[in-house]
Amino acid sequence: MFRTITAVCAICSLCGVTQGEDLNDSVLGVGETQRVEAVGNEIDAAAKRIDEILESRWQQDSIIPADTASDAEFCRRVFLDITGVAPPVSQLREFLDSHDPNKRVELIDTLLRSPKHASHMASRWIDILLPNDNQVAVRPDENVAALHRWLQEQFLVNKPYDHLVGGFLTAGGAGNEGPAIFYTSHELKPERIASATSRIFMGIQLQCAQCHDHPLGQWTQEDFWQYAAFFGQLQQRDSRMGGGMVVEDRSGGEVTFPETERVMLPRYPGVKTLPEDDPSENRRRQLTIWMASRDNPFFARAAANRVWGHLFGRGLVDPVDDMDVDNPASHPELLQYLADFLIEQRFDLRDLYAAIGRTKAYGRTSAAPMGEIPPPDSFAIMNVKTLTPAQYFDSMQQNVFRRSVVIASDLSSPDRGQRQQFISRMEATEASPRDYPHGVVQALGLLNGPEVTQATQPASGALLLAMQAPFFTEAQRIETLFLAVLSRRPTDAEAKRFAEYLSSSKDSESREAALGDLLWVLLNTAECTVCP
């Protein structure tokens, strides 16, 4: 009985009857609709200017850009970049079959307003903010889950980025709730917090000068400890109200220069003059005011560079958190333009994502053109990004693995344990989204893992069970396999080869097993593990 219900649910998904969220599940209020219309022209103008800057460089360097991506490639890219999950089969079919000339823009805008985007952004920022041993994908920590929920709420209401960062810099209260977890995860040590906040929010590697002056860079040891002084007032104490430990600022609290008794007064990075220091003033609040001001030359550039790196697989400055003078931007004019646009849009990250997503550059294929391949930092060809283990699992859970068409990206899901086991098994050490992380151990995990084994068995695989319905033709079954796993329809050659393999089966039972074999092949292709 359960298997029958499962098959019916899956068939509904494959045929276009979806449960839960679909492309139009975010209904805009009147005020939001008016705002979208008001900023639409600015976003289009920004996209045009971005392309102009890039194309000018290509012409100067005699670079021939790649062609425009196919609808299938673009749809997979946008879903994975914006929601962290490959497109559901029904929505992919709808997009591929649509003749609306504006469908790419509408897809981007709709997904940016979706709860899945908020959840994906929360997961990305968990990995950025917390030390590796605290990452939610690896450690099932309820404290980290609480931070994920807080972040998800901020992205869902589209909180301006400067306000979001301010929430972290001034966070207090329960040390196991919301943004205060950022401080407890760094043990409230000023030097650790200084290293993390300067790198994450300003893209500068101050920690390189923690022990001595950087031999090649612009930062001195004094720069580091003067910035760390902003966090010297932090303390953690028992709330005495049964609520556990509380993060707060004390009126005093000094940071001293290593191996000396010299008290370090707080100073903003790159600023020669010291802010007025009143021990009774909250130094973190002072830092927050400066952080998002125009007096800070790093903040907007670092944010813009991080968004660009998210969508293109590499930053205009790469790595994205190493924006020192000895690592210049590949396109300085473009980076400054993006930073200025973000400021003009009052640090609205959705607007920046939308502007970059509407560019011709973002819409180009990752397939190498004939002749000389454009260099990766030219952005004349899309950089292929490797899926994270979480992206792979969630995409396959949605389209292949599960007995339900509604995925559970929520950290409170009963499937969370299975998800974490898979991620831990597949976790790699490479930090760059362009690095292919699947070595021997990860490959064997895919080939022989319980998820793939179950999915490719006709009696247990949700996708295979759905395709046993009598109204599916062989061609439709093959097409559905490709849409579910690779987010595209098969080429004529692929369809012919798969059809020949199925036709060699002697009976319906062996044909179902053969379909499982074909699914196994697709699940273990390199194409399945990348965002094109």
Protein backbone atom coordinates (compact mmCIF):
# COMPACT_ATOMS: atom_id res chain seq x y z
CA MET A 1 0.00 0.00 0.00
CA PHE A 2 2.78 2.41 0.96
CA ARG A 3 4.61 1.66 -2.28
CA THR A 4 1.46 2.43 -4.28
CA ILE A 5 1.02 5.79 -2.58
CA THR A 6 4.68 6.52 -3.16
CA ALA A 7 4.40 5.80 -6.85
CA VAL A 8 1.31 7.99 -7.21
CA CYS A 9 3.07 10.91 -5.48
CA ALA A 10 6.13 10.54 -7.65
CA ILE A 11 4.05 10.28 -10.83
CA CYS A 12 2.30 13.52 -9.92
CA SER A 13 5.67 15.20 -9.66
CA LEU A 14 6.97 13.83 -12.94
CA CYS A 15 3.78 14.78 -14.77
CA GLY A 16 3.69 18.32 -13.42
CA VAL A 17 1.38 18.00 -10.39
CA THR A 18 3.67 19.18 -7.59
CA GLN A 19 3.36 19.20 -3.84
CA GLY A 20 4.64 22.12 -1.80
CA GLU A 21 6.51 24.97 -3.39
CA ASP A 22 6.50 25.65 -7.12
CA LEU A 23 7.77 28.45 -9.32
CA ASN A 24 4.95 30.77 -8.35
CA ASP A 25 4.67 29.98 -4.65
CA SER A 26 5.93 33.38 -3.51
CA VAL A 27 2.98 35.75 -3.73
CA LEU A 28 4.10 39.36 -3.59
CA GLY A 29 2.28 41.96 -1.59
CA VAL A 30 1.32 45.28 -3.16
CA GLY A 31 4.21 47.16 -1.58
CA GLU A 32 6.75 44.57 -2.64
CA THR A 33 5.35 44.49 -6.18
CA GLN A 34 5.73 48.26 -6.45
CA ARG A 35 9.28 48.05 -5.18
CA VAL A 36 10.18 45.32 -7.68
CA GLU A 37 8.85 47.48 -10.49
CA ALA A 38 10.72 50.52 -9.16
CA VAL A 39 14.11 48.81 -9.04
CA GLY A 40 13.69 46.77 -12.21
CA ASN A 41 15.18 49.45 -14.44
CA GLU A 42 18.15 49.91 -12.11
CA ILE A 43 18.84 46.17 -12.12
CA ASP A 44 18.62 45.99 -15.92
CA ALA A 45 20.95 48.98 -16.23
CA ALA A 46 23.41 47.37 -13.84
CA ALA A 47 23.38 44.11 -15.80
CA LYS A 48 24.04 46.02 -19.01
CA ARG A 49 26.93 47.94 -17.45
CA ILE A 50 28.50 44.74 -16.09
CA ASP A 51 28.45 43.24 -19.58
CA GLU A 52 29.90 46.42 -21.08
CA ILE A 53 32.87 46.34 -18.70
CA LEU A 54 33.55 42.66 -19.38
CA GLU A 55 33.12 42.94 -23.15
CA SER A 56 35.48 45.91 -23.28
CA ARG A 57 38.18 43.79 -21.64
CA TRP A 58 37.50 40.85 -23.98
CA GLN A 59 37.89 43.11 -26.99
CA GLN A 60 41.08 44.54 -25.55
CA ASP A 61 42.52 41.06 -24.90
CA SER A 62 41.15 39.49 -28.14
CA ILE A 63 39.02 37.00 -26.19
CA ILE A 64 36.13 35.28 -27.95
CA PRO A 65 33.41 34.54 -25.36
CA ALA A 66 31.53 31.27 -25.11
CA ASP A 67 28.04 30.90 -26.55
CA THR A 68 24.84 31.39 -24.60
CA ALA A 69 23.95 28.45 -22.36
CA SER A 70 21.05 26.23 -23.35
CA ASP A 71 17.83 26.58 -21.38
CA ALA A 72 18.55 23.30 -19.59
CA GLU A 73 22.06 24.33 -18.57
CA PHE A 74 20.85 27.73 -17.42
CA CYS A 75 17.94 26.31 -15.43
CA ARG A 76 20.17 23.80 -13.59
CA ARG A 77 22.70 26.55 -12.86
CA VAL A 78 20.16 29.01 -11.49
CA PHE A 79 18.40 26.47 -9.28
CA LEU A 80 21.68 25.18 -7.83
CA ASP A 81 23.19 28.64 -7.33
CA ILE A 82 20.11 30.29 -5.85
CA THR A 83 18.39 27.43 -4.00
CA GLY A 84 21.17 24.86 -3.61
CA VAL A 85 19.00 22.18 -5.23
CA ALA A 86 18.65 21.03 -8.84
CA PRO A 87 15.33 21.86 -10.54
CA PRO A 88 12.39 19.53 -9.86
CA VAL A 89 11.45 17.57 -12.98
CA SER A 90 8.02 19.19 -13.36
CA GLN A 91 9.38 22.74 -13.12
CA LEU A 92 12.26 21.91 -15.44
CA ARG A 93 9.82 20.61 -18.08
CA GLU A 94 7.74 23.75 -17.72
CA PHE A 95 10.79 25.97 -18.17
CA LEU A 96 12.15 24.04 -21.17
CA ASP A 97 8.77 24.02 -22.92
CA SER A 98 8.07 27.72 -22.31
CA HIS A 99 8.48 30.17 -25.19
CA ASP A 100 8.36 33.25 -22.94
CA PRO A 101 11.35 35.42 -23.95
CA ASN A 102 11.57 36.77 -20.39
CA LYS A 103 11.52 33.37 -18.67
CA ARG A 104 15.15 33.49 -17.50
CA VAL A 105 14.70 36.79 -15.70
CA GLU A 106 11.42 35.62 -14.18
CA LEU A 107 13.02 32.38 -12.97
CA ILE A 108 15.84 34.24 -11.22
CA ASP A 109 13.51 36.75 -9.59
CA THR A 110 11.08 34.06 -8.41
CA LEU A 111 13.78 31.87 -6.90
CA LEU A 112 15.40 34.82 -5.12
CA ARG A 113 12.11 35.36 -3.27
CA SER A 114 11.64 31.69 -2.39
CA PRO A 115 12.08 30.07 1.04
CA LYS A 116 14.57 27.67 -0.54
CA HIS A 117 16.85 30.59 -1.37
CA ALA A 118 16.71 31.78 2.24
CA SER A 119 17.54 28.28 3.48
CA HIS A 120 20.41 27.91 1.00
CA MET A 121 21.88 31.29 1.93
CA ALA A 122 21.65 30.38 5.62
CA SER A 123 23.57 27.16 4.97
CA ARG A 124 26.23 28.98 2.94
CA TRP A 125 26.72 31.56 5.66
CA ILE A 126 26.91 28.93 8.39
CA ASP A 127 29.91 27.50 6.53
CA ILE A 128 31.42 30.97 6.12
CA LEU A 129 30.90 32.15 9.69
CA LEU A 130 31.73 29.15 11.84
CA PRO A 131 34.94 27.17 12.24
CA ASN A 132 35.00 23.95 10.23
CA ASP A 133 34.29 21.72 13.22
CA ASN A 134 31.07 23.66 13.82
CA GLN A 135 29.66 23.48 10.31
CA VAL A 136 26.05 22.39 10.42
CA ALA A 137 26.47 19.92 7.55
CA VAL A 138 29.01 17.96 9.58
CA ARG A 139 28.05 18.41 13.23
CA PRO A 140 24.43 17.86 14.34
CA ASP A 141 24.52 20.65 16.89
CA GLU A 142 21.24 22.23 17.97
CA ASN A 143 23.08 25.48 18.65
CA VAL A 144 24.18 25.61 15.03
CA ALA A 145 20.65 24.72 13.95
CA ALA A 146 19.42 27.73 15.93
CA LEU A 147 21.83 29.98 14.04
CA HIS A 148 20.63 28.48 10.76
CA ARG A 149 17.02 29.32 11.65
CA TRP A 150 17.99 32.88 12.59
CA LEU A 151 19.90 33.37 9.35
CA GLN A 152 17.07 31.87 7.32
CA GLU A 153 14.64 34.37 8.84
CA GLN A 154 16.94 37.27 7.93
CA PHE A 155 17.29 36.18 4.31
CA LEU A 156 13.58 35.41 4.00
CA VAL A 157 12.65 39.01 4.83
CA ASN A 158 15.58 40.26 2.72
CA LYS A 159 17.30 42.09 5.55
CA PRO A 160 19.88 44.53 4.13
CA TYR A 161 23.38 43.10 4.28
CA ASP A 162 24.77 45.92 6.42
CA HIS A 163 22.03 45.31 8.99
CA LEU A 164 22.69 41.58 8.87
CA VAL A 165 26.39 42.09 9.57
CA GLY A 166 25.51 44.59 12.28
CA GLY A 167 23.43 41.88 13.91
CA PHE A 168 26.54 39.74 14.18
CA LEU A 169 28.92 42.46 15.30
CA THR A 170 26.65 43.61 18.14
CA ALA A 171 25.15 40.20 19.00
CA GLY A 172 24.53 39.36 22.63
CA GLY A 173 22.20 37.33 24.77
CA ALA A 174 22.02 33.56 25.07
CA GLY A 175 25.24 32.05 23.80
CA ASN A 176 23.40 29.14 22.20
CA GLU A 177 20.91 31.18 20.18
CA GLY A 178 21.11 33.24 17.01
CA PRO A 179 24.15 35.32 16.07
CA ALA A 180 25.73 35.09 19.54
CA ILE A 181 26.77 31.57 18.54
CA PHE A 182 29.32 33.23 16.25
CA TYR A 183 31.16 34.51 19.32
CA THR A 184 30.90 31.36 21.42
CA SER A 185 32.13 29.28 18.47
CA HIS A 186 35.28 31.43 18.55
CA GLU A 187 35.50 31.10 22.35
CA LEU A 188 35.06 34.88 22.75
CA LYS A 189 38.78 35.32 22.06
CA PRO A 190 39.40 38.80 20.57
CA GLU A 191 42.18 37.54 18.30
CA ARG A 192 40.01 34.77 16.82
CA ILE A 193 37.04 37.08 16.34
CA ALA A 194 39.25 39.75 14.78
CA SER A 195 40.67 37.22 12.32
CA ALA A 196 37.22 35.95 11.36
CA THR A 197 35.39 39.27 11.05
CA SER A 198 38.14 40.99 9.06
CA ARG A 199 38.35 38.08 6.64
CA ILE A 200 34.60 37.47 6.29
CA PHE A 201 33.25 41.02 6.24
CA MET A 202 36.18 42.94 4.74
CA GLY A 203 38.05 40.29 2.74
CA ILE A 204 41.38 41.07 4.40
CA GLN A 205 43.77 38.59 5.99
CA LEU A 206 44.66 40.43 9.18
CA GLN A 207 45.46 37.15 10.95
CA CYS A 208 48.65 36.90 8.88
CA ALA A 209 50.00 39.72 11.06
CA GLN A 210 48.88 38.30 14.41
CA CYS A 211 52.36 37.12 15.43
CA HIS A 212 54.58 39.48 13.42
CA ASP A 213 54.45 42.11 10.70
CA HIS A 214 53.43 40.58 7.40
CA PRO A 215 56.65 40.40 5.33
CA LEU A 216 54.91 41.07 2.02
CA GLY A 217 51.45 42.37 2.86
CA GLN A 218 50.19 45.74 4.03
CA TRP A 219 49.28 44.80 7.61
CA THR A 220 51.39 45.08 10.73
CA GLN A 221 51.11 43.23 14.02
CA GLU A 222 49.95 46.47 15.60
CA ASP A 223 47.15 46.74 13.00
CA PHE A 224 45.91 43.31 14.02
CA TRP A 225 45.86 43.88 17.77
CA GLN A 226 44.35 47.35 17.48
CA TYR A 227 41.47 45.84 15.51
CA ALA A 228 41.19 42.98 18.03
CA ALA A 229 40.73 45.62 20.76
CA PHE A 230 37.18 46.21 19.49
CA PHE A 231 36.27 42.80 20.93
CA GLY A 232 38.09 43.11 24.26
CA GLN A 233 34.91 43.94 26.19
CA LEU A 234 33.24 40.62 25.38
CA GLN A 235 32.47 38.26 28.21
CA GLN A 236 30.29 35.25 28.90
CA ARG A 237 28.51 34.76 32.21
CA ASP A 238 25.81 32.61 33.75
CA SER A 239 22.43 34.27 33.35
CA ARG A 240 21.32 32.93 36.76
CA MET A 241 17.85 32.64 35.29
CA GLY A 242 18.10 29.08 34.07
CA GLY A 243 18.90 30.25 30.56
CA GLY A 244 22.50 29.12 30.38
CA MET A 245 25.45 31.32 29.47
CA VAL A 246 24.97 34.86 28.16
CA VAL A 247 27.23 36.83 25.82
CA GLU A 248 27.56 40.51 26.74
CA ASP A 249 29.95 43.48 26.90
CA ARG A 250 31.52 44.64 30.14
CA SER A 251 32.42 48.28 30.73
CA GLY A 252 36.14 47.52 30.80
CA GLY A 253 38.18 44.95 28.97
CA GLU A 254 41.50 45.60 27.33
CA VAL A 255 43.65 43.83 24.78
CA THR A 256 47.41 44.00 25.26
CA PHE A 257 50.18 43.65 22.72
CA PRO A 258 51.73 40.15 22.89
CA GLU A 259 54.53 39.71 25.43
CA THR A 260 54.10 43.28 26.67
CA GLU A 261 51.76 45.15 28.99
CA ARG A 262 50.99 47.79 26.35
CA VAL A 263 47.24 48.31 26.08
CA MET A 264 46.02 48.44 22.50
CA LEU A 265 43.50 51.14 21.68
CA PRO A 266 40.95 50.16 19.01
CA ARG A 267 41.62 51.30 15.45
CA TYR A 268 39.82 50.53 12.20
CA PRO A 269 41.92 48.67 9.59
CA GLY A 270 43.53 51.02 7.11
CA VAL A 271 42.56 54.12 9.10
CA LYS A 272 45.40 56.20 10.55
CA THR A 273 43.47 58.04 13.26
CA LEU A 274 42.06 56.31 16.32
CA PRO A 275 38.35 56.61 17.13
CA GLU A 276 37.56 58.41 20.35
CA ASP A 277 37.83 55.76 23.04
CA ASP A 278 35.51 55.90 26.01
CA PRO A 279 35.79 52.75 28.15
CA SER A 280 32.08 53.01 28.92
CA GLU A 281 31.18 52.99 25.22
CA ASN A 282 30.37 49.74 23.47
CA ARG A 283 33.29 49.25 21.12
CA ARG A 284 31.49 46.67 19.01
CA ARG A 285 28.75 49.22 18.36
CA GLN A 286 31.39 51.73 17.27
CA LEU A 287 32.83 49.16 14.89
CA THR A 288 29.39 48.37 13.46
CA ILE A 289 28.72 52.02 12.61
CA TRP A 290 32.04 52.30 10.78
CA MET A 291 31.86 48.87 9.12
CA ALA A 292 29.07 49.74 6.66
CA SER A 293 29.97 53.41 6.26
CA ARG A 294 31.58 54.92 3.18
CA ASP A 295 34.66 55.50 5.33
CA ASN A 296 35.28 51.75 5.18
CA PRO A 297 36.91 50.98 1.79
CA PHE A 298 36.63 47.21 2.26
CA PHE A 299 33.07 46.30 3.26
CA ALA A 300 31.01 46.79 0.08
CA ARG A 301 33.82 45.51 -2.16
CA ALA A 302 34.16 42.35 -0.08
CA ALA A 303 30.41 41.70 -0.17
CA ALA A 304 30.19 42.29 -3.93
CA ASN A 305 33.19 40.07 -4.56
CA ARG A 306 31.69 37.26 -2.46
CA VAL A 307 28.39 37.36 -4.39
CA TRP A 308 30.28 37.35 -7.70
CA GLY A 309 32.35 34.40 -6.52
CA HIS A 310 29.21 32.53 -5.50
CA LEU A 311 27.66 32.85 -8.96
CA PHE A 312 30.78 32.50 -11.12
CA GLY A 313 32.77 30.00 -9.07
CA ARG A 314 35.61 32.47 -8.54
CA GLY A 315 35.78 36.04 -7.33
CA LEU A 316 36.98 39.11 -9.16
CA VAL A 317 39.54 38.85 -6.38
CA ASP A 318 40.25 35.19 -5.77
CA PRO A 319 40.20 33.72 -3.17
CA VAL A 320 37.26 35.90 -2.19
CA ASP A 321 38.55 36.55 1.32
CA ASP A 322 42.08 37.58 0.30
CA MET A 323 41.60 41.13 -1.01
CA ASP A 324 44.98 42.49 0.06
CA VAL A 325 47.03 44.81 -2.17
CA ASP A 326 49.25 41.95 -3.32
CA ASN A 327 46.22 40.12 -4.77
CA PRO A 328 44.55 42.65 -7.10
CA ALA A 329 41.18 42.24 -8.78
CA SER A 330 41.07 40.82 -12.30
CA HIS A 331 38.59 43.60 -13.20
CA PRO A 332 39.07 46.53 -10.77
CA GLU A 333 36.53 48.76 -12.51
CA LEU A 334 33.87 46.05 -12.35
CA LEU A 335 34.49 45.32 -8.68
CA GLN A 336 34.15 48.99 -7.80
CA TYR A 337 30.99 49.27 -9.89
CA LEU A 338 29.41 46.30 -8.10
CA ALA A 339 30.34 47.76 -4.71
CA ASP A 340 28.83 51.14 -5.65
CA PHE A 341 25.67 49.44 -6.94
CA LEU A 342 25.30 47.51 -3.69
CA ILE A 343 25.60 50.74 -1.69
CA GLU A 344 23.10 52.52 -3.95
CA GLN A 345 20.65 49.64 -3.45
CA ARG A 346 21.04 50.01 0.31
CA PHE A 347 22.89 46.71 0.57
CA ASP A 348 20.04 44.70 -0.93
CA LEU A 349 21.72 41.38 -1.77
CA ARG A 350 18.76 40.21 -3.86
CA ASP A 351 19.21 43.19 -6.17
CA LEU A 352 22.90 42.38 -6.61
CA TYR A 353 22.18 38.70 -7.28
CA ALA A 354 19.44 39.70 -9.74
CA ALA A 355 21.69 42.15 -11.59
CA ILE A 356 24.51 39.63 -12.01
CA GLY A 357 22.04 36.88 -12.89
CA ARG A 358 20.60 38.98 -15.72
CA THR A 359 23.96 39.52 -17.41
CA LYS A 360 24.91 37.85 -20.65
CA ALA A 361 28.10 36.73 -18.90
CA TYR A 362 26.21 34.69 -16.30
CA GLY A 363 24.06 33.22 -19.06
CA ARG A 364 27.01 31.88 -21.07
CA THR A 365 27.73 28.18 -21.41
CA SER A 366 30.48 26.37 -19.54
CA ALA A 367 31.16 24.27 -22.65
CA ALA A 368 34.51 25.14 -24.19
CA PRO A 369 34.23 26.95 -27.55
CA MET A 370 36.16 26.01 -30.66
CA GLY A 371 39.66 27.43 -30.66
CA GLU A 372 41.36 28.95 -27.65
CA ILE A 373 39.52 28.53 -24.34
CA PRO A 374 39.03 31.85 -22.51
CA PRO A 375 40.96 32.12 -19.23
CA PRO A 376 38.80 31.45 -16.14
CA ASP A 377 39.32 34.93 -14.71
CA SER A 378 38.06 36.56 -17.91
CA PHE A 379 34.50 35.37 -17.16
CA ALA A 380 34.01 34.91 -20.90
CA ILE A 381 33.04 31.31 -20.16
CA MET A 382 31.16 30.03 -17.14
CA ASN A 383 33.33 28.23 -14.63
CA VAL A 384 32.06 24.74 -13.79
CA LYS A 385 31.31 24.49 -10.06
CA THR A 386 31.44 21.18 -8.21
CA LEU A 387 28.34 20.40 -6.16
CA THR A 388 28.82 20.30 -2.43
CA PRO A 389 27.81 17.00 -0.81
CA ALA A 390 24.72 18.78 0.56
CA GLN A 391 23.71 20.01 -2.91
CA TYR A 392 24.17 16.54 -4.36
CA PHE A 393 22.16 14.84 -1.63
CA ASP A 394 19.32 17.37 -1.62
CA SER A 395 19.04 17.28 -5.41
CA MET A 396 18.99 13.50 -5.57
CA GLN A 397 16.72 13.31 -2.51
CA GLN A 398 14.24 15.51 -4.33
CA ASN A 399 14.33 13.89 -7.76
CA VAL A 400 15.54 10.33 -7.18
CA PHE A 401 16.06 9.00 -3.65
CA ARG A 402 12.98 9.87 -1.65
CA ARG A 403 9.55 8.32 -1.41
CA SER A 404 8.09 11.80 -1.42
CA VAL A 405 8.43 14.72 -3.77
CA VAL A 406 8.88 17.23 -0.94
CA ILE A 407 12.52 17.47 0.12
CA ALA A 408 13.61 18.24 3.65
CA SER A 409 16.31 20.89 3.63
CA ASP A 410 15.04 21.97 7.04
CA LEU A 411 17.48 21.04 9.78
CA SER A 412 14.63 19.71 11.93
CA SER A 413 13.68 17.13 9.30
CA PRO A 414 13.52 13.46 10.33
CA ASP A 415 15.79 12.78 7.32
CA ARG A 416 18.49 14.98 8.79
CA GLY A 417 20.47 12.02 10.15
CA GLN A 418 20.61 10.28 6.77
CA ARG A 419 21.63 13.56 5.14
CA GLN A 420 24.45 14.13 7.60
CA GLN A 421 25.74 10.59 7.21
CA PHE A 422 25.92 11.05 3.45
CA ILE A 423 27.63 14.43 3.75
CA SER A 424 30.18 13.14 6.23
CA ARG A 425 30.96 10.22 3.93
CA MET A 426 31.39 12.51 0.93
CA GLU A 427 33.00 15.49 2.64
CA ALA A 428 36.18 16.73 0.96
CA THR A 429 38.78 19.23 2.08
CA GLU A 430 38.93 21.44 -1.03
CA ALA A 431 37.65 24.95 -0.37
CA SER A 432 37.24 26.08 -3.98
CA PRO A 433 33.95 25.31 -5.76
CA ARG A 434 35.99 24.70 -8.92
CA ASP A 435 38.00 21.84 -7.43
CA TYR A 436 36.67 18.39 -8.19
CA PRO A 437 36.51 16.70 -4.78
CA HIS A 438 35.54 13.15 -5.66
CA GLY A 439 38.55 10.94 -5.03
CA VAL A 440 38.57 7.16 -4.66
CA VAL A 441 36.80 7.13 -1.30
CA GLN A 442 34.06 9.50 -2.47
CA ALA A 443 33.64 7.64 -5.77
CA LEU A 444 33.22 4.32 -3.97
CA GLY A 445 30.76 6.00 -1.63
CA LEU A 446 28.61 6.99 -4.58
CA LEU A 447 28.94 3.70 -6.42
CA ASN A 448 28.16 1.51 -3.43
CA GLY A 449 26.37 3.83 -1.01
CA PRO A 450 22.98 2.81 0.39
CA GLU A 451 21.19 5.75 -1.24
CA VAL A 452 22.30 4.85 -4.76
CA THR A 453 21.77 1.13 -4.15
CA GLN A 454 18.20 1.67 -2.98
CA ALA A 455 17.40 4.20 -5.71
CA THR A 456 18.49 1.85 -8.51
CA GLN A 457 16.46 -1.15 -7.31
CA PRO A 458 13.10 -1.44 -9.12
CA ALA A 459 11.36 -2.56 -5.93
CA SER A 460 12.60 0.31 -3.76
CA GLY A 461 13.64 3.24 -5.94
CA ALA A 462 11.01 5.99 -5.87
CA LEU A 463 11.80 7.23 -9.37
CA LEU A 464 11.82 3.73 -10.85
CA LEU A 465 8.55 2.87 -9.10
CA ALA A 466 6.93 5.96 -10.61
CA MET A 467 8.07 5.05 -14.11
CA GLN A 468 6.49 1.61 -13.90
CA ALA A 469 3.16 3.30 -14.62
CA PRO A 470 1.75 1.87 -17.87
CA PHE A 471 1.24 5.23 -19.57
CA PHE A 472 5.01 5.90 -19.67
CA THR A 473 6.59 5.08 -23.01
CA GLU A 474 10.20 3.91 -23.16
CA ALA A 475 11.20 7.27 -24.61
CA GLN A 476 9.47 9.09 -21.75
CA ARG A 477 11.19 6.89 -19.17
CA ILE A 478 14.60 7.65 -20.67
CA GLU A 479 13.85 11.36 -20.87
CA THR A 480 12.67 11.41 -17.25
CA LEU A 481 15.89 9.76 -16.07
CA PHE A 482 17.95 12.48 -17.73
CA LEU A 483 15.74 15.30 -16.45
CA ALA A 484 15.81 13.96 -12.89
CA VAL A 485 19.55 13.34 -12.68
CA LEU A 486 21.24 15.69 -15.18
CA SER A 487 18.55 18.39 -15.56
CA ARG A 488 18.45 18.02 -19.34
CA ARG A 489 16.92 15.90 -22.05
CA PRO A 490 19.08 13.22 -23.67
CA THR A 491 20.81 13.85 -26.96
CA ASP A 492 19.60 11.79 -29.90
CA ALA A 493 22.65 9.53 -29.58
CA GLU A 494 22.09 9.01 -25.85
CA ALA A 495 18.39 8.30 -26.33
CA LYS A 496 19.17 5.76 -29.03
CA ARG A 497 21.84 4.01 -26.96
CA PHE A 498 19.62 3.81 -23.86
CA ALA A 499 16.65 2.58 -25.92
CA GLU A 500 18.77 -0.19 -27.43
CA TYR A 501 19.83 -1.32 -23.97
CA LEU A 502 16.23 -1.44 -22.75
CA SER A 503 15.01 -3.26 -25.86
CA SER A 504 17.52 -6.04 -25.23
CA SER A 505 15.57 -7.03 -22.11
CA LYS A 506 13.59 -10.26 -22.46
CA ASP A 507 10.67 -9.44 -20.15
CA SER A 508 9.19 -6.66 -18.02
CA GLU A 509 11.16 -7.68 -14.94
CA SER A 510 14.50 -7.56 -16.69
CA ARG A 511 13.47 -4.29 -18.39
CA GLU A 512 12.83 -2.72 -14.98
CA ALA A 513 16.24 -3.92 -13.82
CA ALA A 514 17.79 -2.48 -16.98
CA LEU A 515 16.18 0.88 -16.22
CA GLY A 516 17.81 0.72 -12.80
CA ASP A 517 21.16 0.07 -14.48
CA LEU A 518 20.73 3.16 -16.63
CA LEU A 519 19.83 5.24 -13.58
CA TRP A 520 22.98 3.94 -11.83
CA VAL A 521 25.09 5.03 -14.82
CA LEU A 522 23.65 8.56 -14.77
CA LEU A 523 24.06 8.90 -11.00
CA ASN A 524 27.75 8.16 -11.35
CA THR A 525 28.60 10.50 -14.21
CA ALA A 526 30.79 13.53 -13.57
CA GLU A 527 28.02 15.67 -15.07
CA CYS A 528 25.74 14.68 -12.19
CA THR A 529 28.12 16.21 -9.64
CA VAL A 530 28.58 19.67 -11.15
CA CYS A 531 26.78 22.96 -11.62
CA PRO A 532 27.45 23.88 -15.28
